[in-house]
N, C-alpha and C. Protein backbone atom coordinates (compact mmCIF):
# COMPACT_ATOMS: atom_id res chain seq x y z
N UNK A 1 151.19 253.30 74.36
CA UNK A 1 150.64 252.39 75.29
C UNK A 1 151.04 251.00 74.88
N UNK A 2 151.07 250.65 73.65
CA UNK A 2 151.43 249.28 73.18
C UNK A 2 152.83 248.89 73.54
N UNK A 3 153.74 249.87 73.44
CA UNK A 3 155.11 249.62 73.73
C UNK A 3 155.27 249.26 75.23
N UNK A 4 154.58 249.96 76.13
CA UNK A 4 154.70 249.60 77.51
C UNK A 4 154.11 248.28 77.80
N UNK A 5 152.99 247.89 77.14
CA UNK A 5 152.48 246.54 77.34
C UNK A 5 153.44 245.45 76.85
N UNK A 6 154.16 245.74 75.74
CA UNK A 6 155.06 244.80 75.21
C UNK A 6 156.25 244.62 76.24
N UNK A 7 156.72 245.70 76.76
CA UNK A 7 157.85 245.67 77.76
C UNK A 7 157.42 244.86 78.98
N UNK A 8 156.17 245.08 79.44
CA UNK A 8 155.71 244.36 80.62
C UNK A 8 155.60 242.90 80.29
N UNK A 9 155.11 242.58 79.08
CA UNK A 9 154.99 241.14 78.63
C UNK A 9 156.36 240.46 78.59
N UNK A 10 157.29 241.15 78.07
CA UNK A 10 158.67 240.59 78.03
C UNK A 10 159.27 240.41 79.41
N UNK A 11 159.04 241.38 80.28
CA UNK A 11 159.51 241.29 81.64
C UNK A 11 158.85 240.09 82.39
N UNK A 12 157.55 239.92 82.14
CA UNK A 12 156.89 238.73 82.81
C UNK A 12 157.45 237.41 82.30
N UNK A 13 157.67 237.30 80.99
CA UNK A 13 158.28 236.09 80.39
C UNK A 13 159.60 235.84 81.03
N UNK A 14 160.47 236.76 81.11
CA UNK A 14 161.81 236.64 81.65
C UNK A 14 161.71 236.28 83.13
N UNK A 15 160.77 236.83 83.84
CA UNK A 15 160.70 236.54 85.30
C UNK A 15 160.22 235.05 85.47
N UNK A 16 159.35 234.56 84.66
CA UNK A 16 158.86 233.18 84.74
C UNK A 16 159.98 232.32 84.36
N UNK A 17 160.70 232.59 83.28
CA UNK A 17 161.82 231.79 82.92
C UNK A 17 162.88 231.66 84.01
N UNK A 18 163.24 232.78 84.56
CA UNK A 18 164.22 232.78 85.63
C UNK A 18 163.81 232.04 86.87
N UNK A 19 162.54 232.24 87.17
CA UNK A 19 162.03 231.46 88.36
C UNK A 19 162.03 229.97 88.06
N UNK A 20 161.69 229.60 86.85
CA UNK A 20 161.67 228.20 86.54
C UNK A 20 163.07 227.60 86.61
N UNK A 21 164.05 228.35 86.10
CA UNK A 21 165.49 227.86 86.14
C UNK A 21 165.94 227.81 87.58
N UNK A 22 165.57 228.75 88.43
CA UNK A 22 165.94 228.68 89.86
C UNK A 22 165.29 227.50 90.53
N UNK A 23 164.01 227.28 90.22
CA UNK A 23 163.36 226.14 90.74
C UNK A 23 164.05 224.83 90.42
N UNK A 24 164.40 224.71 89.10
CA UNK A 24 165.07 223.57 88.58
C UNK A 24 166.41 223.25 89.33
N UNK A 25 167.14 224.40 89.55
CA UNK A 25 168.43 224.28 90.23
C UNK A 25 168.19 223.84 91.65
N UNK A 26 167.19 224.35 92.33
CA UNK A 26 166.91 223.96 93.69
C UNK A 26 166.47 222.55 93.82
N UNK A 27 165.63 222.15 92.89
CA UNK A 27 165.13 220.76 92.94
C UNK A 27 166.16 219.71 92.43
N UNK A 28 167.06 220.14 91.56
CA UNK A 28 168.08 219.25 91.11
C UNK A 28 167.55 218.29 90.13
N UNK A 29 167.34 218.63 88.94
CA UNK A 29 166.85 217.65 87.90
C UNK A 29 165.36 217.45 87.87
N UNK A 30 164.67 218.53 87.90
CA UNK A 30 163.17 218.52 87.81
C UNK A 30 162.54 217.96 89.07
N UNK A 31 163.27 217.73 90.14
CA UNK A 31 162.70 217.27 91.30
C UNK A 31 162.45 215.70 91.32
N UNK A 32 162.98 215.01 90.35
CA UNK A 32 162.77 213.58 90.31
C UNK A 32 163.72 212.90 91.28
N UNK A 33 163.29 212.06 92.09
CA UNK A 33 164.12 211.35 93.05
C UNK A 33 164.94 210.31 92.27
N UNK A 34 166.29 210.36 92.60
CA UNK A 34 167.16 209.40 91.90
C UNK A 34 167.09 208.03 92.60
N UNK A 35 166.86 206.98 91.76
CA UNK A 35 166.79 205.60 92.42
C UNK A 35 168.21 205.13 92.77
N UNK A 36 168.24 204.06 93.57
CA UNK A 36 169.49 203.44 93.92
C UNK A 36 170.01 202.70 92.70
N UNK A 37 171.33 202.67 92.59
CA UNK A 37 171.93 201.98 91.47
C UNK A 37 171.77 200.49 91.69
N UNK A 38 171.50 199.79 90.56
CA UNK A 38 171.48 198.28 90.60
C UNK A 38 172.82 197.76 90.33
N UNK A 39 172.95 196.43 90.36
CA UNK A 39 174.28 195.79 90.20
C UNK A 39 174.98 196.11 88.86
N UNK A 40 174.21 196.26 87.79
CA UNK A 40 174.81 196.60 86.47
C UNK A 40 175.38 197.95 86.45
N UNK A 41 174.81 198.80 87.18
CA UNK A 41 175.31 200.17 87.21
C UNK A 41 176.64 200.21 88.06
N UNK A 42 176.59 199.45 89.21
CA UNK A 42 177.87 199.44 89.95
C UNK A 42 178.95 198.76 89.13
N UNK A 43 178.71 197.79 88.39
CA UNK A 43 179.71 197.19 87.48
C UNK A 43 180.18 198.20 86.47
N UNK A 44 179.32 199.03 85.90
CA UNK A 44 179.72 200.02 85.00
C UNK A 44 180.65 201.07 85.57
N UNK A 45 180.31 201.48 86.79
CA UNK A 45 181.04 202.44 87.44
C UNK A 45 182.47 201.91 87.80
N UNK A 46 182.55 200.62 88.10
CA UNK A 46 183.83 199.98 88.46
C UNK A 46 184.61 199.55 87.18
N UNK A 47 183.93 199.45 86.09
CA UNK A 47 184.56 198.91 84.85
C UNK A 47 185.44 199.99 84.21
N UNK A 48 186.76 199.84 84.31
CA UNK A 48 187.65 200.79 83.78
C UNK A 48 188.25 200.34 82.41
N UNK A 49 187.69 199.26 81.81
CA UNK A 49 188.24 198.79 80.59
C UNK A 49 187.73 199.69 79.47
N UNK A 50 188.52 199.77 78.40
CA UNK A 50 188.15 200.60 77.29
C UNK A 50 186.93 199.98 76.55
N UNK A 51 185.97 200.74 76.12
CA UNK A 51 184.84 200.25 75.37
C UNK A 51 185.29 199.91 73.97
N UNK A 52 185.03 198.73 73.62
CA UNK A 52 185.39 198.21 72.25
C UNK A 52 184.17 198.34 71.34
N UNK A 53 184.03 199.33 70.58
CA UNK A 53 182.89 199.57 69.74
C UNK A 53 182.76 201.07 69.39
N UNK A 54 181.85 201.34 68.59
CA UNK A 54 181.65 202.79 68.14
C UNK A 54 180.51 203.45 68.77
N UNK A 55 179.70 202.68 69.57
CA UNK A 55 178.53 203.24 70.10
C UNK A 55 178.16 202.67 71.45
N UNK A 56 177.80 203.41 72.44
CA UNK A 56 177.27 202.87 73.75
C UNK A 56 175.86 203.42 73.86
N UNK A 57 174.98 202.60 74.35
CA UNK A 57 173.61 202.98 74.60
C UNK A 57 173.46 203.00 76.06
N UNK A 58 173.11 204.15 76.58
CA UNK A 58 172.90 204.30 78.08
C UNK A 58 171.40 204.46 78.38
N UNK A 59 170.97 203.79 79.41
CA UNK A 59 169.56 204.02 79.87
C UNK A 59 169.64 204.88 81.11
N UNK A 60 169.10 206.07 81.02
CA UNK A 60 169.22 207.08 82.05
C UNK A 60 167.86 207.35 82.65
N UNK A 61 167.73 207.34 84.01
CA UNK A 61 166.50 207.56 84.62
C UNK A 61 166.39 209.03 85.07
N UNK A 62 165.21 209.59 84.91
CA UNK A 62 164.93 210.93 85.45
C UNK A 62 164.85 212.06 84.49
N UNK A 63 165.16 211.85 83.22
CA UNK A 63 165.07 212.98 82.34
C UNK A 63 163.66 213.20 81.88
N UNK A 64 163.13 214.33 82.28
CA UNK A 64 161.67 214.63 81.99
C UNK A 64 161.43 215.89 81.28
N UNK A 65 162.49 216.63 80.86
CA UNK A 65 162.32 217.84 80.14
C UNK A 65 163.44 218.10 79.21
N UNK A 66 163.31 218.99 78.22
CA UNK A 66 164.43 219.32 77.31
C UNK A 66 165.67 219.81 78.04
N UNK A 67 165.51 220.54 79.11
CA UNK A 67 166.66 221.02 79.85
C UNK A 67 167.50 219.82 80.47
N UNK A 68 166.70 218.84 80.92
CA UNK A 68 167.38 217.59 81.53
C UNK A 68 168.17 216.93 80.38
N UNK A 69 167.54 216.74 79.21
CA UNK A 69 168.30 216.11 78.15
C UNK A 69 169.53 216.85 77.70
N UNK A 70 169.42 218.18 77.67
CA UNK A 70 170.49 219.10 77.26
C UNK A 70 171.60 218.91 78.28
N UNK A 71 171.29 218.82 79.54
CA UNK A 71 172.31 218.72 80.56
C UNK A 71 173.07 217.40 80.47
N UNK A 72 172.38 216.33 80.19
CA UNK A 72 173.04 215.05 79.99
C UNK A 72 173.90 215.09 78.75
N UNK A 73 173.31 215.57 77.66
CA UNK A 73 174.02 215.75 76.39
C UNK A 73 175.34 216.49 76.51
N UNK A 74 175.30 217.64 77.17
CA UNK A 74 176.50 218.47 77.24
C UNK A 74 177.54 217.81 78.19
N UNK A 75 177.11 217.17 79.27
CA UNK A 75 178.06 216.57 80.13
C UNK A 75 178.78 215.35 79.54
N UNK A 76 178.04 214.53 78.70
CA UNK A 76 178.62 213.41 78.02
C UNK A 76 179.60 213.86 76.93
N UNK A 77 179.29 214.97 76.31
CA UNK A 77 180.13 215.52 75.24
C UNK A 77 181.51 216.07 75.77
N UNK A 78 181.56 216.23 77.14
CA UNK A 78 182.79 216.66 77.75
C UNK A 78 183.79 215.49 77.87
N UNK A 79 183.31 214.23 77.76
CA UNK A 79 184.13 213.15 77.92
C UNK A 79 185.04 212.98 76.68
N UNK A 80 186.34 212.88 76.86
CA UNK A 80 187.25 212.76 75.67
C UNK A 80 186.88 211.42 74.93
N UNK A 81 186.78 211.55 73.64
CA UNK A 81 186.43 210.37 72.78
C UNK A 81 184.97 210.25 72.47
N UNK A 82 184.11 211.06 73.12
CA UNK A 82 182.68 211.08 72.74
C UNK A 82 182.54 212.05 71.63
N UNK A 83 181.99 211.51 70.47
CA UNK A 83 181.81 212.28 69.29
C UNK A 83 180.39 212.86 69.15
N UNK A 84 179.40 212.00 69.39
CA UNK A 84 178.00 212.44 69.27
C UNK A 84 177.19 211.89 70.47
N UNK A 85 176.09 212.63 70.79
CA UNK A 85 175.15 212.21 71.78
C UNK A 85 173.72 212.44 71.30
N UNK A 86 172.90 211.48 71.39
CA UNK A 86 171.56 211.55 70.99
C UNK A 86 170.67 211.09 72.13
N UNK A 87 169.78 211.95 72.65
CA UNK A 87 168.99 211.64 73.81
C UNK A 87 167.50 211.52 73.39
N UNK A 88 166.89 210.43 73.81
CA UNK A 88 165.47 210.19 73.68
C UNK A 88 164.80 210.20 75.08
N UNK A 89 164.16 211.39 75.39
CA UNK A 89 163.62 211.54 76.69
C UNK A 89 162.52 210.55 76.99
N UNK A 90 161.74 210.17 75.99
CA UNK A 90 160.63 209.26 76.20
C UNK A 90 161.08 207.88 76.81
N UNK A 91 162.15 207.32 76.15
CA UNK A 91 162.61 206.05 76.53
C UNK A 91 163.77 206.08 77.55
N UNK A 92 164.32 207.21 77.73
CA UNK A 92 165.52 207.43 78.57
C UNK A 92 166.75 206.85 78.03
N UNK A 93 166.67 206.61 76.69
CA UNK A 93 167.81 206.08 76.01
C UNK A 93 168.77 207.13 75.49
N UNK A 94 170.08 207.04 75.74
CA UNK A 94 171.01 207.97 75.25
C UNK A 94 172.10 207.18 74.41
N UNK A 95 172.16 207.58 73.16
CA UNK A 95 173.13 206.89 72.25
C UNK A 95 174.34 207.75 72.22
N UNK A 96 175.48 207.14 72.51
CA UNK A 96 176.74 207.85 72.61
C UNK A 96 177.69 207.32 71.50
N UNK A 97 177.97 208.16 70.49
CA UNK A 97 178.93 207.86 69.38
C UNK A 97 180.32 208.09 69.86
N UNK A 98 181.18 207.12 69.66
CA UNK A 98 182.55 207.20 70.03
C UNK A 98 183.44 207.42 68.79
N UNK A 99 184.50 208.27 68.98
CA UNK A 99 185.36 208.52 67.82
C UNK A 99 186.25 207.35 67.39
N UNK A 100 186.43 206.35 68.27
CA UNK A 100 187.29 205.21 67.89
C UNK A 100 188.69 205.43 68.06
N UNK A 101 189.13 206.63 68.34
CA UNK A 101 190.62 206.98 68.49
C UNK A 101 190.97 207.13 69.99
N UNK A 102 190.11 207.70 70.71
CA UNK A 102 190.39 208.03 72.10
C UNK A 102 189.67 206.99 73.01
N UNK A 103 190.42 206.28 73.81
CA UNK A 103 189.75 205.27 74.70
C UNK A 103 188.69 205.86 75.62
N UNK A 104 187.58 205.28 75.73
CA UNK A 104 186.46 205.66 76.59
C UNK A 104 186.09 204.47 77.39
N UNK A 105 185.85 204.64 78.71
CA UNK A 105 185.38 203.53 79.55
C UNK A 105 183.99 203.77 80.02
N UNK A 106 183.37 202.61 80.53
CA UNK A 106 182.02 202.68 81.04
C UNK A 106 182.08 203.58 82.26
N UNK A 107 183.10 203.57 83.03
CA UNK A 107 183.24 204.33 84.24
C UNK A 107 183.16 205.92 83.87
N UNK A 108 183.79 206.28 82.83
CA UNK A 108 183.77 207.70 82.37
C UNK A 108 182.32 208.13 82.04
N UNK A 109 181.63 207.22 81.29
CA UNK A 109 180.27 207.54 80.89
C UNK A 109 179.28 207.62 82.16
N UNK A 110 179.50 206.58 83.07
CA UNK A 110 178.72 206.53 84.23
C UNK A 110 178.89 207.81 85.12
N UNK A 111 180.13 208.24 85.24
CA UNK A 111 180.44 209.44 86.04
C UNK A 111 179.83 210.67 85.44
N UNK A 112 179.87 210.73 84.09
CA UNK A 112 179.34 211.92 83.37
C UNK A 112 177.85 211.99 83.64
N UNK A 113 177.16 210.88 83.53
CA UNK A 113 175.70 210.85 83.82
C UNK A 113 175.43 211.32 85.26
N UNK A 114 176.22 210.77 86.17
CA UNK A 114 176.06 211.13 87.57
C UNK A 114 176.33 212.64 87.74
N UNK A 115 177.29 213.17 87.14
CA UNK A 115 177.63 214.62 87.26
C UNK A 115 176.46 215.48 86.67
N UNK A 116 175.77 214.95 85.71
CA UNK A 116 174.64 215.72 85.13
C UNK A 116 173.37 215.74 85.95
N UNK A 117 173.47 214.93 87.05
CA UNK A 117 172.35 214.91 88.00
C UNK A 117 171.33 213.78 87.85
N UNK A 118 171.64 212.80 87.04
CA UNK A 118 170.74 211.74 86.71
C UNK A 118 171.32 210.39 87.12
N UNK A 119 170.46 209.40 87.00
CA UNK A 119 170.86 208.03 87.43
C UNK A 119 171.05 207.12 86.18
N UNK A 120 172.10 206.44 86.11
CA UNK A 120 172.33 205.49 85.04
C UNK A 120 171.73 204.20 85.43
N UNK A 121 170.93 203.63 84.53
CA UNK A 121 170.32 202.32 84.77
C UNK A 121 171.09 201.19 84.07
N UNK A 122 171.62 201.44 82.88
CA UNK A 122 172.22 200.36 82.15
C UNK A 122 173.06 200.93 81.06
N UNK A 123 174.19 200.16 80.75
CA UNK A 123 175.08 200.49 79.65
C UNK A 123 175.19 199.38 78.77
N UNK A 124 174.98 199.57 77.48
CA UNK A 124 175.18 198.51 76.41
C UNK A 124 176.18 199.08 75.41
N UNK A 125 177.06 198.16 74.96
CA UNK A 125 178.01 198.61 73.95
C UNK A 125 177.59 197.95 72.69
N UNK A 126 177.64 198.71 71.62
CA UNK A 126 177.38 198.23 70.26
C UNK A 126 178.49 198.42 69.35
N UNK A 127 178.76 197.43 68.45
CA UNK A 127 179.97 197.54 67.55
C UNK A 127 179.84 198.70 66.63
């Protein structure tokens, strides 16, 4: 009897997880509405100059769960030249460590955030 209860419990957990993932996919980013880009974001998207520095700090709107943060993290890591990514969901701050060898632009980072389903609010470059 205990074995059957365990199997049922595992099945229920998997069903809830899958339903949650499907809901997330349908809502697109936990259902948070993306705000319009302000002028600084438009500048970042248009800025194709190479970032001079080893770190960029992005302010990202809409990350409300670990899955959101993971999605932003993975998408930014796909950008050539990005070495590390550290996401703080509470502040919306994403620190992006650059390798210093491969040129990275604000445009590349802005597009990666957009592809991950979230809105970029600001980009700061740190030496």
